[in-house]
């Protein structure tokens, strides 16, 4: 699954959206819920704290 989202200047996530998933729609809510709990620190390479758009690939294994 791939999710696109914005990380603001405080390290909070905004506007998460599914870019791709296989099978489509099956685990989207699980992935988005887990991502909602994630927090980031402001990067030293981004001293102006400019918001960043990110695409993350998540591999979810169901047992």
N, C-alpha and C. Protein backbone atom coordinates (compact mmCIF):
# COMPACT_ATOMS: atom_id res chain seq x y z
N UNK A 1 0.84 -1.15 0.00
CA UNK A 1 0.00 0.00 0.00
C UNK A 1 0.89 1.22 0.00
N UNK A 2 0.50 2.25 -0.71
CA UNK A 2 1.22 3.52 -0.71
C UNK A 2 0.25 4.62 -0.27
N UNK A 3 0.74 5.47 0.64
CA UNK A 3 -0.07 6.56 1.16
C UNK A 3 0.69 7.86 1.00
N UNK A 4 0.00 8.88 0.53
CA UNK A 4 0.59 10.21 0.39
C UNK A 4 0.02 11.10 1.49
N UNK A 5 0.88 11.90 2.13
CA UNK A 5 0.43 12.79 3.20
C UNK A 5 1.37 13.97 3.33
N UNK A 6 0.95 14.95 4.09
CA UNK A 6 1.71 16.17 4.33
C UNK A 6 2.19 16.17 5.77
N UNK A 7 3.47 16.51 5.98
CA UNK A 7 4.00 16.69 7.32
C UNK A 7 4.19 18.18 7.51
N UNK A 8 3.50 18.76 8.51
CA UNK A 8 3.58 20.21 8.72
C UNK A 8 4.84 20.58 9.50
N UNK A 9 5.01 21.87 9.76
CA UNK A 9 6.22 22.38 10.41
C UNK A 9 6.39 21.89 11.84
N UNK A 10 5.33 21.34 12.45
CA UNK A 10 5.40 20.81 13.81
C UNK A 10 5.54 19.29 13.85
N UNK A 11 5.60 18.65 12.69
CA UNK A 11 5.75 17.20 12.62
C UNK A 11 4.44 16.44 12.63
N UNK A 12 3.32 17.14 12.46
CA UNK A 12 2.00 16.49 12.42
C UNK A 12 1.64 16.10 10.99
N UNK A 13 0.88 15.02 10.84
CA UNK A 13 0.45 14.55 9.52
C UNK A 13 -0.91 15.14 9.16
N UNK A 14 -1.05 15.50 7.89
CA UNK A 14 -2.31 16.03 7.38
C UNK A 14 -2.60 15.43 6.01
N UNK A 15 -3.84 15.37 5.67
CA UNK A 15 -4.32 14.99 4.34
C UNK A 15 -3.81 13.63 3.85
N UNK A 16 -3.89 12.58 4.66
CA UNK A 16 -3.45 11.28 4.16
C UNK A 16 -4.43 10.76 3.11
N UNK A 17 -3.88 10.17 2.05
CA UNK A 17 -4.72 9.57 1.01
C UNK A 17 -4.03 8.35 0.43
N UNK A 18 -4.82 7.35 0.10
CA UNK A 18 -4.29 6.13 -0.51
C UNK A 18 -3.90 6.42 -1.95
N UNK A 19 -2.69 6.06 -2.30
CA UNK A 19 -2.21 6.20 -3.67
C UNK A 19 -2.39 4.86 -4.41
N UNK A 20 -2.10 3.77 -3.69
CA UNK A 20 -2.23 2.43 -4.28
C UNK A 20 -2.39 1.41 -3.16
N UNK A 21 -3.12 0.34 -3.43
CA UNK A 21 -3.22 -0.76 -2.47
C UNK A 21 -3.61 -2.02 -3.20
N UNK A 22 -3.21 -3.16 -2.61
CA UNK A 22 -3.50 -4.45 -3.23
C UNK A 22 -3.89 -5.43 -2.14
N UNK A 23 -5.06 -5.95 -2.13
CA UNK A 23 -6.19 -5.63 -2.99
C UNK A 23 -6.79 -4.28 -2.60
N UNK A 24 -7.32 -3.56 -3.57
CA UNK A 24 -7.82 -2.20 -3.34
C UNK A 24 -8.89 -2.14 -2.25
N UNK A 25 -8.69 -1.21 -1.30
CA UNK A 25 -9.68 -0.92 -0.29
C UNK A 25 -9.75 -1.85 0.91
N UNK A 26 -9.07 -2.98 0.88
CA UNK A 26 -9.23 -3.98 1.93
C UNK A 26 -8.63 -3.54 3.27
N UNK A 27 -7.40 -3.04 3.27
CA UNK A 27 -6.75 -2.66 4.52
C UNK A 27 -6.49 -1.15 4.61
N UNK A 28 -7.16 -0.37 3.80
CA UNK A 28 -6.93 1.07 3.78
C UNK A 28 -7.17 1.71 5.14
N UNK A 29 -8.27 1.38 5.78
CA UNK A 29 -8.61 1.99 7.07
C UNK A 29 -7.58 1.62 8.14
N UNK A 30 -7.12 0.39 8.13
CA UNK A 30 -6.11 -0.06 9.09
C UNK A 30 -4.82 0.74 8.91
N UNK A 31 -4.38 0.88 7.68
CA UNK A 31 -3.14 1.62 7.39
C UNK A 31 -3.27 3.09 7.76
N UNK A 32 -4.38 3.72 7.39
CA UNK A 32 -4.57 5.14 7.69
C UNK A 32 -4.70 5.38 9.20
N UNK A 33 -5.32 4.45 9.92
CA UNK A 33 -5.44 4.58 11.38
C UNK A 33 -4.07 4.49 12.04
N UNK A 34 -3.26 3.57 11.59
CA UNK A 34 -1.91 3.44 12.13
C UNK A 34 -1.05 4.65 11.82
N UNK A 35 -1.18 5.17 10.63
CA UNK A 35 -0.42 6.34 10.23
C UNK A 35 -0.82 7.57 11.04
N UNK A 36 -2.08 7.66 11.43
CA UNK A 36 -2.57 8.80 12.19
C UNK A 36 -1.88 8.93 13.55
N UNK A 37 -1.31 7.84 14.06
CA UNK A 37 -0.63 7.85 15.35
C UNK A 37 0.85 8.23 15.24
N UNK A 38 1.34 8.39 14.02
CA UNK A 38 2.75 8.68 13.78
C UNK A 38 3.03 10.17 13.96
N UNK A 39 4.16 10.49 14.58
CA UNK A 39 4.61 11.87 14.74
C UNK A 39 6.05 11.96 14.24
N UNK A 40 6.39 13.08 13.67
CA UNK A 40 7.73 13.31 13.16
C UNK A 40 8.38 14.49 13.89
N UNK A 41 9.70 14.48 13.97
CA UNK A 41 10.44 15.62 14.48
C UNK A 41 10.81 16.52 13.30
N UNK A 42 10.98 17.81 13.57
CA UNK A 42 11.41 18.73 12.53
C UNK A 42 12.83 18.35 12.14
N UNK A 43 13.07 18.20 10.85
CA UNK A 43 14.38 17.76 10.35
C UNK A 43 15.40 18.89 10.43
N UNK A 44 16.63 18.55 10.81
CA UNK A 44 17.70 19.54 10.84
C UNK A 44 18.01 20.05 9.44
N UNK A 45 17.73 19.24 8.43
CA UNK A 45 17.98 19.64 7.05
C UNK A 45 16.89 20.58 6.54
N UNK A 46 15.87 20.83 7.37
CA UNK A 46 14.76 21.70 7.00
C UNK A 46 14.63 22.81 8.06
N UNK A 47 15.66 23.67 8.20
CA UNK A 47 15.67 24.66 9.27
C UNK A 47 14.53 25.68 9.19
N UNK A 48 13.96 25.87 8.01
CA UNK A 48 12.85 26.81 7.86
C UNK A 48 11.51 26.17 8.18
N UNK A 49 11.53 24.88 8.53
CA UNK A 49 10.33 24.12 8.90
C UNK A 49 9.25 24.21 7.83
N UNK A 50 9.64 23.99 6.59
CA UNK A 50 8.70 24.01 5.47
C UNK A 50 7.95 22.69 5.43
N UNK A 51 6.61 22.72 5.33
CA UNK A 51 5.84 21.47 5.23
C UNK A 51 6.32 20.63 4.04
N UNK A 52 6.25 19.32 4.20
CA UNK A 52 6.77 18.39 3.20
C UNK A 52 5.69 17.38 2.82
N UNK A 53 5.54 17.12 1.52
CA UNK A 53 4.63 16.08 1.04
C UNK A 53 5.43 14.80 0.92
N UNK A 54 4.89 13.69 1.47
CA UNK A 54 5.59 12.41 1.53
C UNK A 54 4.71 11.31 0.95
N UNK A 55 5.34 10.34 0.30
CA UNK A 55 4.64 9.12 -0.10
C UNK A 55 5.37 7.97 0.58
N UNK A 56 4.63 7.21 1.40
CA UNK A 56 5.20 6.07 2.12
C UNK A 56 4.59 4.78 1.62
N UNK A 57 5.41 3.76 1.53
CA UNK A 57 4.93 2.42 1.18
C UNK A 57 4.85 1.62 2.46
N UNK A 58 3.70 1.03 2.71
CA UNK A 58 3.49 0.22 3.91
C UNK A 58 3.19 -1.22 3.47
N UNK A 59 3.88 -2.16 4.06
CA UNK A 59 3.62 -3.57 3.81
C UNK A 59 2.91 -4.13 5.02
N UNK A 60 1.68 -4.56 4.83
CA UNK A 60 0.86 -5.10 5.91
C UNK A 60 0.70 -6.58 5.68
N UNK A 61 1.05 -7.36 6.69
CA UNK A 61 0.95 -8.81 6.60
C UNK A 61 -0.16 -9.30 7.52
N UNK A 62 -1.10 -10.03 6.97
CA UNK A 62 -2.21 -10.57 7.75
C UNK A 62 -1.93 -12.03 8.00
N UNK A 63 -2.01 -12.43 9.28
CA UNK A 63 -1.74 -13.83 9.62
C UNK A 63 -3.00 -14.48 10.13
